[in-house]
Amino acid sequence: MKALSSSSQEIDPNIARDSALLHRIAQKDSSAFREFYRFYSGLIFATIQQVLNNHDDSEDIMQEVLAGIWQKAHLYEPGKGKPLTWVTTMARNRAIDRIRAKQRRSRLNEGFENEHKVTQPEFEESSADLLQDVERDQMVRRAVKLLSPEQRQAITLTYFHGLSQAAVAKRLHEPLGTIKARIRRGVNRLEGLVKQGM
């Protein structure tokens, strides 16, 4: 009986096939991309959904991961792990990034509310809430005006118009990574402005 090779990657036909597909995808072979998608789209979505537990968010991240596979297939290194591990790790990381972004957004909203909370007698609560809403809205708009035009545009589309980051990137014809960085820097700047009592 012929001895098995010490490298499981050499004897596993799926790993060899997937590595070849990623190599072809790196060469912008759309048929290889479609084949990879047919094999693994369900598993990728399940990986994302397991982290997010939200169908709409999972669909957004699924699109980001698919774009990532198309754009970054050339970065896959067979010596560092299986193709499927590389892809599911990318999916999990993108899903975790979405959770962190939501947490940052929540902290930002809480910061707006806490910084400008006015203590009022109970019988004035509803009018105080209305006043707080107006003040907070004005404060946010003033703070947003202090951002760079690029940050202001990305944050307005994301937070005020409710677009996903992928949709913003598509609308502005910018790479998704650029939009993510722009929003992250803008949110950090807004948090600083709020702390300064804008």
N, C-alpha and C. Protein backbone atom coordinates (compact mmCIF):
# COMPACT_ATOMS: atom_id res chain seq x y z
N MET A 1 0.85 -1.20 0.00
CA MET A 1 0.00 0.00 0.00
C MET A 1 0.88 1.24 0.00
N LYS A 2 0.51 2.21 -0.82
CA LYS A 2 1.33 3.42 -0.96
C LYS A 2 1.18 4.29 0.28
N ALA A 3 2.29 4.78 0.79
CA ALA A 3 2.25 5.62 1.99
C ALA A 3 1.60 6.95 1.67
N LEU A 4 0.81 7.45 2.65
CA LEU A 4 0.15 8.75 2.49
C LEU A 4 1.17 9.87 2.67
N SER A 5 0.99 10.95 1.96
CA SER A 5 1.87 12.11 2.10
C SER A 5 1.64 12.75 3.46
N SER A 6 2.68 13.35 4.00
CA SER A 6 2.56 14.03 5.30
C SER A 6 1.72 15.29 5.19
N SER A 7 1.55 15.82 4.00
CA SER A 7 0.76 17.03 3.84
C SER A 7 -0.66 16.68 3.44
N SER A 8 -1.62 16.98 4.35
CA SER A 8 -3.02 16.69 4.05
C SER A 8 -3.50 17.52 2.88
N GLN A 9 -2.85 18.69 2.67
CA GLN A 9 -3.26 19.57 1.58
C GLN A 9 -2.99 18.91 0.24
N GLU A 10 -1.96 18.07 0.16
CA GLU A 10 -1.63 17.41 -1.10
C GLU A 10 -2.61 16.30 -1.43
N ILE A 11 -3.24 15.70 -0.42
CA ILE A 11 -4.10 14.54 -0.70
C ILE A 11 -5.58 14.89 -0.61
N ASP A 12 -5.93 16.08 -0.15
CA ASP A 12 -7.33 16.47 -0.05
C ASP A 12 -7.74 17.15 -1.35
N PRO A 13 -8.57 16.50 -2.15
CA PRO A 13 -8.93 17.09 -3.45
C PRO A 13 -9.71 18.40 -3.31
N ASN A 14 -10.48 18.55 -2.24
CA ASN A 14 -11.25 19.78 -2.05
C ASN A 14 -10.33 20.98 -1.82
N ILE A 15 -9.29 20.76 -1.02
CA ILE A 15 -8.34 21.85 -0.75
C ILE A 15 -7.62 22.23 -2.04
N ALA A 16 -7.20 21.23 -2.80
CA ALA A 16 -6.52 21.50 -4.07
C ALA A 16 -7.45 22.25 -5.02
N ARG A 17 -8.71 21.79 -5.08
CA ARG A 17 -9.69 22.46 -5.96
C ARG A 17 -9.93 23.90 -5.52
N ASP A 18 -10.14 24.11 -4.20
CA ASP A 18 -10.42 25.45 -3.69
C ASP A 18 -9.23 26.38 -3.89
N SER A 19 -8.03 25.86 -3.67
CA SER A 19 -6.82 26.67 -3.89
C SER A 19 -6.74 27.11 -5.35
N ALA A 20 -7.04 26.16 -6.25
CA ALA A 20 -7.01 26.48 -7.68
C ALA A 20 -8.07 27.54 -8.02
N LEU A 21 -9.25 27.41 -7.40
CA LEU A 21 -10.32 28.38 -7.66
C LEU A 21 -9.90 29.77 -7.19
N LEU A 22 -9.32 29.85 -5.97
CA LEU A 22 -8.88 31.15 -5.47
C LEU A 22 -7.79 31.74 -6.37
N HIS A 23 -6.92 30.89 -6.87
CA HIS A 23 -5.87 31.36 -7.78
C HIS A 23 -6.50 31.96 -9.04
N ARG A 24 -7.52 31.29 -9.56
CA ARG A 24 -8.20 31.79 -10.76
C ARG A 24 -8.98 33.07 -10.45
N ILE A 25 -9.59 33.12 -9.25
CA ILE A 25 -10.32 34.33 -8.85
C ILE A 25 -9.35 35.51 -8.77
N ALA A 26 -8.14 35.24 -8.26
CA ALA A 26 -7.12 36.29 -8.18
C ALA A 26 -6.78 36.83 -9.58
N GLN A 27 -6.98 35.98 -10.60
CA GLN A 27 -6.76 36.40 -11.98
C GLN A 27 -8.02 37.00 -12.60
N LYS A 28 -9.04 37.26 -11.71
CA LYS A 28 -10.33 37.85 -12.12
C LYS A 28 -11.10 36.94 -13.07
N ASP A 29 -11.08 35.63 -12.76
CA ASP A 29 -11.85 34.64 -13.52
C ASP A 29 -13.24 34.54 -12.89
N SER A 30 -14.24 35.13 -13.55
CA SER A 30 -15.59 35.18 -12.97
C SER A 30 -16.24 33.80 -12.88
N SER A 31 -15.90 32.90 -13.79
CA SER A 31 -16.49 31.55 -13.72
C SER A 31 -15.96 30.82 -12.47
N ALA A 32 -14.71 31.05 -12.10
CA ALA A 32 -14.16 30.45 -10.88
C ALA A 32 -14.86 31.05 -9.66
N PHE A 33 -15.13 32.34 -9.71
CA PHE A 33 -15.83 33.00 -8.60
C PHE A 33 -17.24 32.41 -8.44
N ARG A 34 -17.94 32.24 -9.55
CA ARG A 34 -19.29 31.66 -9.49
C ARG A 34 -19.24 30.24 -8.93
N GLU A 35 -18.23 29.49 -9.31
CA GLU A 35 -18.11 28.11 -8.82
C GLU A 35 -17.83 28.11 -7.32
N PHE A 36 -16.94 28.96 -6.88
CA PHE A 36 -16.62 29.06 -5.45
C PHE A 36 -17.87 29.47 -4.68
N TYR A 37 -18.61 30.43 -5.23
CA TYR A 37 -19.86 30.90 -4.60
C TYR A 37 -20.85 29.74 -4.48
N ARG A 38 -20.98 28.95 -5.53
CA ARG A 38 -21.93 27.82 -5.52
C ARG A 38 -21.56 26.82 -4.43
N PHE A 39 -20.28 26.59 -4.25
CA PHE A 39 -19.84 25.64 -3.23
C PHE A 39 -20.06 26.17 -1.81
N TYR A 40 -19.77 27.46 -1.60
CA TYR A 40 -19.59 27.93 -0.21
C TYR A 40 -20.46 29.11 0.24
N SER A 41 -21.34 29.61 -0.60
CA SER A 41 -22.14 30.77 -0.19
C SER A 41 -22.98 30.46 1.05
N GLY A 42 -23.55 29.26 1.10
CA GLY A 42 -24.37 28.88 2.26
C GLY A 42 -23.56 28.85 3.55
N LEU A 43 -22.38 28.29 3.48
CA LEU A 43 -21.53 28.20 4.66
C LEU A 43 -21.05 29.59 5.10
N ILE A 44 -20.71 30.43 4.13
CA ILE A 44 -20.26 31.79 4.47
C ILE A 44 -21.38 32.55 5.16
N PHE A 45 -22.59 32.46 4.59
CA PHE A 45 -23.73 33.17 5.19
C PHE A 45 -24.01 32.65 6.60
N ALA A 46 -23.95 31.33 6.78
CA ALA A 46 -24.21 30.73 8.10
C ALA A 46 -23.17 31.20 9.12
N THR A 47 -21.92 31.32 8.69
CA THR A 47 -20.87 31.81 9.57
C THR A 47 -21.15 33.22 10.04
N ILE A 48 -21.59 34.07 9.12
CA ILE A 48 -21.90 35.46 9.44
C ILE A 48 -23.13 35.54 10.34
N GLN A 49 -24.16 34.79 9.96
CA GLN A 49 -25.42 34.81 10.71
C GLN A 49 -25.23 34.33 12.15
N GLN A 50 -24.33 33.38 12.34
CA GLN A 50 -24.05 32.86 13.68
C GLN A 50 -23.49 33.96 14.59
N VAL A 51 -22.72 34.87 14.01
CA VAL A 51 -22.15 35.96 14.80
C VAL A 51 -23.17 37.09 15.00
N LEU A 52 -23.89 37.46 13.94
CA LEU A 52 -24.74 38.64 13.98
C LEU A 52 -26.18 38.36 14.43
N ASN A 53 -26.68 37.17 14.07
CA ASN A 53 -28.07 36.82 14.39
C ASN A 53 -29.04 37.88 13.88
N ASN A 54 -28.76 38.43 12.70
CA ASN A 54 -29.61 39.44 12.09
C ASN A 54 -29.54 39.27 10.58
N HIS A 55 -30.68 38.96 9.97
CA HIS A 55 -30.67 38.59 8.56
C HIS A 55 -30.19 39.73 7.66
N ASP A 56 -30.73 40.95 7.89
CA ASP A 56 -30.35 42.08 7.03
C ASP A 56 -28.87 42.41 7.14
N ASP A 57 -28.37 42.46 8.39
CA ASP A 57 -26.94 42.72 8.58
C ASP A 57 -26.11 41.61 7.94
N SER A 58 -26.57 40.38 8.08
CA SER A 58 -25.83 39.24 7.51
C SER A 58 -25.75 39.35 5.99
N GLU A 59 -26.84 39.78 5.37
CA GLU A 59 -26.82 39.95 3.91
C GLU A 59 -25.82 41.04 3.50
N ASP A 60 -25.79 42.14 4.27
CA ASP A 60 -24.83 43.21 3.98
C ASP A 60 -23.40 42.69 4.06
N ILE A 61 -23.11 41.98 5.16
CA ILE A 61 -21.75 41.48 5.36
C ILE A 61 -21.41 40.42 4.33
N MET A 62 -22.39 39.62 3.94
CA MET A 62 -22.17 38.61 2.91
C MET A 62 -21.66 39.28 1.63
N GLN A 63 -22.28 40.40 1.26
CA GLN A 63 -21.85 41.13 0.06
C GLN A 63 -20.42 41.64 0.23
N GLU A 64 -20.10 42.13 1.44
CA GLU A 64 -18.75 42.62 1.69
C GLU A 64 -17.72 41.50 1.58
N VAL A 65 -18.08 40.32 2.12
CA VAL A 65 -17.16 39.18 2.09
C VAL A 65 -16.94 38.72 0.65
N LEU A 66 -18.02 38.65 -0.12
CA LEU A 66 -17.88 38.23 -1.52
C LEU A 66 -17.00 39.21 -2.28
N ALA A 67 -17.19 40.51 -2.01
CA ALA A 67 -16.33 41.52 -2.65
C ALA A 67 -14.89 41.34 -2.19
N GLY A 68 -14.72 41.00 -0.90
CA GLY A 68 -13.38 40.78 -0.36
C GLY A 68 -12.68 39.59 -1.02
N ILE A 69 -13.44 38.52 -1.25
CA ILE A 69 -12.85 37.34 -1.92
C ILE A 69 -12.40 37.72 -3.33
N TRP A 70 -13.25 38.46 -4.04
CA TRP A 70 -12.92 38.86 -5.41
C TRP A 70 -11.69 39.78 -5.44
N GLN A 71 -11.62 40.70 -4.47
CA GLN A 71 -10.54 41.68 -4.48
C GLN A 71 -9.25 41.17 -3.85
N LYS A 72 -9.36 40.20 -2.92
CA LYS A 72 -8.18 39.82 -2.13
C LYS A 72 -7.75 38.37 -2.30
N ALA A 73 -8.31 37.68 -3.28
CA ALA A 73 -7.95 36.27 -3.47
C ALA A 73 -6.45 36.10 -3.65
N HIS A 74 -5.78 37.12 -4.21
CA HIS A 74 -4.33 37.04 -4.42
C HIS A 74 -3.55 37.01 -3.11
N LEU A 75 -4.21 37.39 -2.00
CA LEU A 75 -3.53 37.40 -0.70
C LEU A 75 -3.54 36.04 -0.01
N TYR A 76 -4.37 35.12 -0.53
CA TYR A 76 -4.42 33.78 0.09
C TYR A 76 -3.09 33.06 -0.11
N GLU A 77 -2.56 32.53 1.01
CA GLU A 77 -1.30 31.78 0.96
C GLU A 77 -1.57 30.34 1.38
N PRO A 78 -1.47 29.39 0.46
CA PRO A 78 -1.78 27.99 0.77
C PRO A 78 -1.00 27.44 1.96
N GLY A 79 0.22 27.91 2.15
CA GLY A 79 1.03 27.39 3.25
C GLY A 79 0.53 27.77 4.62
N LYS A 80 -0.39 28.76 4.69
CA LYS A 80 -0.86 29.25 5.99
C LYS A 80 -2.21 28.68 6.40
N GLY A 81 -2.81 27.85 5.58
CA GLY A 81 -4.10 27.25 5.97
C GLY A 81 -4.96 26.93 4.77
N LYS A 82 -6.08 26.27 5.05
CA LYS A 82 -7.00 25.87 3.99
C LYS A 82 -7.74 27.07 3.43
N PRO A 83 -8.12 27.01 2.16
CA PRO A 83 -8.88 28.11 1.56
C PRO A 83 -10.17 28.41 2.33
N LEU A 84 -10.86 27.36 2.73
CA LEU A 84 -12.13 27.56 3.42
C LEU A 84 -11.93 28.23 4.77
N THR A 85 -10.84 27.91 5.45
CA THR A 85 -10.53 28.57 6.72
C THR A 85 -10.27 30.05 6.50
N TRP A 86 -9.54 30.36 5.43
CA TRP A 86 -9.24 31.76 5.09
C TRP A 86 -10.53 32.54 4.86
N VAL A 87 -11.46 31.94 4.12
CA VAL A 87 -12.71 32.63 3.77
C VAL A 87 -13.62 32.77 4.99
N THR A 88 -13.77 31.71 5.79
CA THR A 88 -14.67 31.80 6.95
C THR A 88 -14.09 32.74 8.01
N THR A 89 -12.77 32.80 8.11
CA THR A 89 -12.16 33.76 9.04
C THR A 89 -12.45 35.19 8.59
N MET A 90 -12.35 35.43 7.28
CA MET A 90 -12.70 36.74 6.75
C MET A 90 -14.16 37.09 7.07
N ALA A 91 -15.05 36.11 6.87
CA ALA A 91 -16.48 36.33 7.13
C ALA A 91 -16.72 36.64 8.61
N ARG A 92 -16.10 35.86 9.48
CA ARG A 92 -16.28 36.07 10.93
C ARG A 92 -15.74 37.45 11.34
N ASN A 93 -14.58 37.81 10.82
CA ASN A 93 -13.99 39.11 11.17
C ASN A 93 -14.85 40.28 10.70
N ARG A 94 -15.41 40.16 9.49
CA ARG A 94 -16.29 41.23 8.99
C ARG A 94 -17.54 41.34 9.87
N ALA A 95 -18.08 40.19 10.29
CA ALA A 95 -19.27 40.20 11.14
C ALA A 95 -18.96 40.85 12.49
N ILE A 96 -17.81 40.53 13.05
CA ILE A 96 -17.40 41.13 14.33
C ILE A 96 -17.20 42.63 14.16
N ASP A 97 -16.64 43.05 13.01
CA ASP A 97 -16.48 44.48 12.74
C ASP A 97 -17.84 45.18 12.73
N ARG A 98 -18.86 44.52 12.19
CA ARG A 98 -20.20 45.12 12.16
C ARG A 98 -20.74 45.31 13.58
N ILE A 99 -20.52 44.30 14.44
CA ILE A 99 -20.97 44.42 15.83
C ILE A 99 -20.26 45.58 16.52
N ARG A 100 -18.96 45.68 16.31
CA ARG A 100 -18.20 46.78 16.93
C ARG A 100 -18.67 48.14 16.42
N ALA A 101 -18.98 48.23 15.13
CA ALA A 101 -19.47 49.49 14.57
C ALA A 101 -20.80 49.87 15.20
N LYS A 102 -21.67 48.87 15.39
CA LYS A 102 -22.97 49.15 16.03
C LYS A 102 -22.77 49.59 17.48
N GLN A 103 -21.82 48.96 18.16
CA GLN A 103 -21.55 49.35 19.54
C GLN A 103 -21.02 50.78 19.61
N ARG A 104 -20.14 51.15 18.67
CA ARG A 104 -19.62 52.52 18.63
C ARG A 104 -20.75 53.51 18.37
N ARG A 105 -21.64 53.14 17.45
CA ARG A 105 -22.78 54.00 17.14
C ARG A 105 -23.68 54.18 18.37
N SER A 106 -23.89 53.07 19.08
CA SER A 106 -24.72 53.13 20.28
C SER A 106 -24.07 54.01 21.34
N ARG A 107 -22.73 53.87 21.51
CA ARG A 107 -22.03 54.72 22.49
C ARG A 107 -22.10 56.18 22.09
N LEU A 108 -22.01 56.44 20.79
CA LEU A 108 -22.10 57.81 20.31
C LEU A 108 -23.47 58.40 20.63
N ASN A 109 -24.52 57.63 20.37
CA ASN A 109 -25.88 58.09 20.67
C ASN A 109 -26.07 58.32 22.17
N GLU A 110 -25.55 57.40 22.96
CA GLU A 110 -25.65 57.55 24.42
C GLU A 110 -24.89 58.78 24.88
N GLY A 111 -23.74 59.02 24.25
CA GLY A 111 -22.95 60.19 24.60
C GLY A 111 -23.71 61.47 24.32
N PHE A 112 -24.38 61.52 23.16
CA PHE A 112 -25.19 62.69 22.84
C PHE A 112 -26.27 62.90 23.90
N GLU A 113 -26.92 61.79 24.27
CA GLU A 113 -28.02 61.90 25.23
C GLU A 113 -27.52 62.28 26.62
N ASN A 114 -26.46 61.62 27.08
CA ASN A 114 -25.97 61.85 28.44
C ASN A 114 -25.36 63.23 28.61
N GLU A 115 -24.66 63.71 27.59
CA GLU A 115 -24.00 65.01 27.70
C GLU A 115 -25.01 66.16 27.79
N HIS A 116 -26.20 65.93 27.26
CA HIS A 116 -27.17 67.02 27.19
C HIS A 116 -28.47 66.69 27.89
N LYS A 117 -28.39 65.81 28.86
CA LYS A 117 -29.58 65.45 29.61
C LYS A 117 -29.89 66.58 30.60
N VAL A 118 -31.12 67.06 30.58
CA VAL A 118 -31.55 68.14 31.48
C VAL A 118 -32.48 67.55 32.53
N THR A 119 -32.17 67.81 33.80
CA THR A 119 -33.03 67.32 34.87
C THR A 119 -34.20 68.27 35.04
N GLN A 120 -35.40 67.74 34.91
CA GLN A 120 -36.61 68.55 35.00
C GLN A 120 -37.58 67.88 35.97
N PRO A 121 -38.45 68.65 36.60
CA PRO A 121 -39.51 68.05 37.41
C PRO A 121 -40.35 67.11 36.55
N GLU A 122 -40.95 66.11 37.19
CA GLU A 122 -41.69 65.09 36.46
C GLU A 122 -42.79 65.66 35.57
N PHE A 123 -43.48 66.69 36.06
CA PHE A 123 -44.61 67.20 35.27
C PHE A 123 -44.15 67.92 34.01
N GLU A 124 -42.86 68.25 33.93
CA GLU A 124 -42.35 68.91 32.73
C GLU A 124 -41.60 67.94 31.81
N GLU A 125 -41.68 66.65 32.10
CA GLU A 125 -40.84 65.69 31.40
C GLU A 125 -41.04 65.68 29.89
N SER A 126 -42.29 65.70 29.44
CA SER A 126 -42.51 65.59 28.00
C SER A 126 -41.97 66.82 27.26
N SER A 127 -42.17 68.02 27.81
CA SER A 127 -41.64 69.21 27.15
C SER A 127 -40.11 69.23 27.21
N ALA A 128 -39.55 68.72 28.32
CA ALA A 128 -38.08 68.64 28.43
C ALA A 128 -37.51 67.68 27.39
N ASP A 129 -38.21 66.55 27.19
CA ASP A 129 -37.75 65.57 26.19
C ASP A 129 -37.74 66.20 24.80
N LEU A 130 -38.79 66.96 24.51
CA LEU A 130 -38.88 67.61 23.21
C LEU A 130 -37.74 68.62 23.03
N LEU A 131 -37.47 69.37 24.08
CA LEU A 131 -36.38 70.35 24.04
C LEU A 131 -35.03 69.65 23.86
N GLN A 132 -34.84 68.54 24.57
CA GLN A 132 -33.59 67.78 24.43
C GLN A 132 -33.41 67.29 23.01
N ASP A 133 -34.51 66.80 22.42
CA ASP A 133 -34.42 66.30 21.04
C ASP A 133 -33.99 67.40 20.09
N VAL A 134 -34.58 68.58 20.26
CA VAL A 134 -34.24 69.71 19.39
C VAL A 134 -32.78 70.12 19.60
N GLU A 135 -32.38 70.22 20.88
CA GLU A 135 -31.00 70.61 21.19
C GLU A 135 -30.00 69.59 20.66
N ARG A 136 -30.33 68.31 20.87
CA ARG A 136 -29.43 67.26 20.41
C ARG A 136 -29.31 67.27 18.90
N ASP A 137 -30.42 67.46 18.21
CA ASP A 137 -30.41 67.51 16.76
C ASP A 137 -29.55 68.67 16.28
N GLN A 138 -29.70 69.83 16.91
CA GLN A 138 -28.91 71.00 16.52
C GLN A 138 -27.42 70.78 16.80
N MET A 139 -27.14 70.16 17.96
CA MET A 139 -25.75 69.91 18.33
C MET A 139 -25.09 68.95 17.35
N VAL A 140 -25.82 67.88 16.99
CA VAL A 140 -25.27 66.90 16.05
C VAL A 140 -25.00 67.56 14.71
N ARG A 141 -25.95 68.36 14.24
CA ARG A 141 -25.77 69.00 12.94
C ARG A 141 -24.59 69.99 12.96
N ARG A 142 -24.44 70.70 14.08
CA ARG A 142 -23.28 71.61 14.20
C ARG A 142 -21.97 70.83 14.18
N ALA A 143 -21.96 69.72 14.93
CA ALA A 143 -20.74 68.91 15.01
C ALA A 143 -20.40 68.31 13.65
N VAL A 144 -21.42 67.83 12.94
CA VAL A 144 -21.19 67.21 11.63
C VAL A 144 -20.61 68.22 10.66
N LYS A 145 -21.02 69.49 10.77
CA LYS A 145 -20.50 70.53 9.87
C LYS A 145 -19.01 70.76 10.06
N LEU A 146 -18.47 70.36 11.21
CA LEU A 146 -17.05 70.56 11.48
C LEU A 146 -16.18 69.43 10.93
N LEU A 147 -16.81 68.38 10.43
CA LEU A 147 -16.05 67.27 9.84
C LEU A 147 -15.53 67.66 8.47
N SER A 148 -14.59 66.89 7.95
CA SER A 148 -14.14 67.12 6.58
C SER A 148 -15.31 66.81 5.64
N PRO A 149 -15.34 67.38 4.44
CA PRO A 149 -16.46 67.12 3.51
C PRO A 149 -16.66 65.63 3.24
N GLU A 150 -15.55 64.89 3.11
CA GLU A 150 -15.66 63.45 2.84
C GLU A 150 -16.28 62.70 4.01
N GLN A 151 -15.82 63.02 5.24
CA GLN A 151 -16.39 62.38 6.43
C GLN A 151 -17.86 62.75 6.60
N ARG A 152 -18.16 64.02 6.39
CA ARG A 152 -19.53 64.51 6.55
C ARG A 152 -20.46 63.77 5.58
N GLN A 153 -20.04 63.62 4.35
CA GLN A 153 -20.86 62.96 3.34
C GLN A 153 -21.10 61.50 3.71
N ALA A 154 -20.04 60.79 4.11
CA ALA A 154 -20.17 59.36 4.45
C ALA A 154 -21.05 59.16 5.67
N ILE A 155 -20.87 60.00 6.69
CA ILE A 155 -21.66 59.86 7.93
C ILE A 155 -23.11 60.24 7.69
N THR A 156 -23.35 61.27 6.89
CA THR A 156 -24.73 61.67 6.58
C THR A 156 -25.48 60.54 5.88
N LEU A 157 -24.83 59.93 4.89
CA LEU A 157 -25.48 58.84 4.15
C LEU A 157 -25.72 57.62 5.04
N THR A 158 -24.76 57.34 5.95
CA THR A 158 -24.87 56.15 6.79
C THR A 158 -25.86 56.34 7.93
N TYR A 159 -25.69 57.42 8.70
CA TYR A 159 -26.47 57.59 9.93
C TYR A 159 -27.78 58.34 9.73
N PHE A 160 -27.83 59.27 8.80
CA PHE A 160 -29.04 60.06 8.62
C PHE A 160 -29.94 59.53 7.50
N HIS A 161 -29.30 58.86 6.51
CA HIS A 161 -30.10 58.29 5.42
C HIS A 161 -30.24 56.78 5.54
N GLY A 162 -29.55 56.17 6.49
CA GLY A 162 -29.73 54.74 6.77
C GLY A 162 -29.13 53.79 5.76
N LEU A 163 -28.17 54.25 4.96
CA LEU A 163 -27.53 53.35 3.99
C LEU A 163 -26.48 52.49 4.67
N SER A 164 -26.30 51.28 4.17
CA SER A 164 -25.20 50.45 4.66
C SER A 164 -23.88 51.02 4.14
N GLN A 165 -22.78 50.62 4.77
CA GLN A 165 -21.48 51.11 4.32
C GLN A 165 -21.19 50.67 2.89
N ALA A 166 -21.64 49.46 2.55
CA ALA A 166 -21.44 48.96 1.18
C ALA A 166 -22.22 49.83 0.18
N ALA A 167 -23.44 50.23 0.56
CA ALA A 167 -24.25 51.08 -0.32
C ALA A 167 -23.63 52.46 -0.47
N VAL A 168 -23.06 52.98 0.62
CA VAL A 168 -22.39 54.28 0.56
C VAL A 168 -21.19 54.20 -0.39
N ALA A 169 -20.40 53.13 -0.25
CA ALA A 169 -19.23 52.95 -1.11
C ALA A 169 -19.65 52.91 -2.59
N LYS A 170 -20.74 52.20 -2.85
CA LYS A 170 -21.21 52.09 -4.23
C LYS A 170 -21.67 53.45 -4.75
N ARG A 171 -22.42 54.18 -3.92
CA ARG A 171 -22.95 55.48 -4.35
C ARG A 171 -21.83 56.48 -4.61
N LEU A 172 -20.79 56.43 -3.75
CA LEU A 172 -19.71 57.40 -3.88
C LEU A 172 -18.57 56.93 -4.79
N HIS A 173 -18.73 55.70 -5.31
CA HIS A 173 -17.70 55.11 -6.19
C HIS A 173 -16.34 55.07 -5.50
N GLU A 174 -16.36 54.65 -4.24
CA GLU A 174 -15.13 54.54 -3.44
C GLU A 174 -14.98 53.11 -2.95
N PRO A 175 -13.75 52.66 -2.67
CA PRO A 175 -13.58 51.32 -2.07
C PRO A 175 -14.25 51.26 -0.70
N LEU A 176 -14.77 50.10 -0.36
CA LEU A 176 -15.47 49.94 0.91
C LEU A 176 -14.54 50.25 2.09
N GLY A 177 -13.29 49.82 2.00
CA GLY A 177 -12.33 50.09 3.08
C GLY A 177 -12.14 51.58 3.31
N THR A 178 -12.14 52.35 2.24
CA THR A 178 -11.99 53.81 2.35
C THR A 178 -13.18 54.41 3.09
N ILE A 179 -14.37 53.95 2.73
CA ILE A 179 -15.60 54.45 3.38
C ILE A 179 -15.61 54.08 4.85
N LYS A 180 -15.24 52.84 5.17
CA LYS A 180 -15.21 52.40 6.58
C LYS A 180 -14.25 53.27 7.39
N ALA A 181 -13.07 53.52 6.84
CA ALA A 181 -12.07 54.34 7.55
C ALA A 181 -12.58 55.77 7.72
N ARG A 182 -13.21 56.29 6.69
CA ARG A 182 -13.73 57.65 6.72
C ARG A 182 -14.81 57.79 7.81
N ILE A 183 -15.71 56.81 7.88
CA ILE A 183 -16.77 56.84 8.89
C ILE A 183 -16.18 56.68 10.28
N ARG A 184 -15.22 55.77 10.42
CA ARG A 184 -14.60 55.56 11.73
C ARG A 184 -13.93 56.83 12.24
N ARG A 185 -13.17 57.49 11.36
CA ARG A 185 -12.50 58.73 11.77
C ARG A 185 -13.52 59.82 12.08
N GLY A 186 -14.58 59.88 11.27
CA GLY A 186 -15.62 60.89 11.50
C GLY A 186 -16.34 60.69 12.82
N VAL A 187 -16.67 59.42 13.14
CA VAL A 187 -17.36 59.12 14.40
C VAL A 187 -16.45 59.46 15.59
N ASN A 188 -15.18 59.12 15.46
CA ASN A 188 -14.23 59.46 16.54
C ASN A 188 -14.16 60.97 16.75
N ARG A 189 -14.17 61.72 15.65
CA ARG A 189 -14.13 63.18 15.75
C ARG A 189 -15.40 63.71 16.40
N LEU A 190 -16.55 63.14 16.01
CA LEU A 190 -17.82 63.56 16.61
C LEU A 190 -17.83 63.30 18.12
N GLU A 191 -17.33 62.13 18.51
CA GLU A 191 -17.28 61.81 19.94
C GLU A 191 -16.43 62.84 20.68
N GLY A 192 -15.32 63.25 20.07
CA GLY A 192 -14.47 64.26 20.70
C GLY A 192 -15.19 65.60 20.81
N LEU A 193 -15.93 65.97 19.76
CA LEU A 193 -16.66 67.23 19.79
C LEU A 193 -17.75 67.23 20.86
N VAL A 194 -18.41 66.07 21.01
CA VAL A 194 -19.45 65.96 22.03
C VAL A 194 -18.85 66.13 23.42
N LYS A 195 -17.70 65.49 23.65
CA LYS A 195 -17.05 65.59 24.95
C LYS A 195 -16.62 67.03 25.26
N GLN A 196 -16.34 67.79 24.20
CA GLN A 196 -15.94 69.18 24.40
C GLN A 196 -17.15 70.08 24.65
N GLY A 197 -18.37 69.50 24.57
CA GLY A 197 -19.58 70.28 24.85
C GLY A 197 -20.09 71.05 23.66
N MET A 198 -19.89 70.49 22.46
CA MET A 198 -20.42 71.13 21.25
C MET A 198 -21.92 71.34 21.36
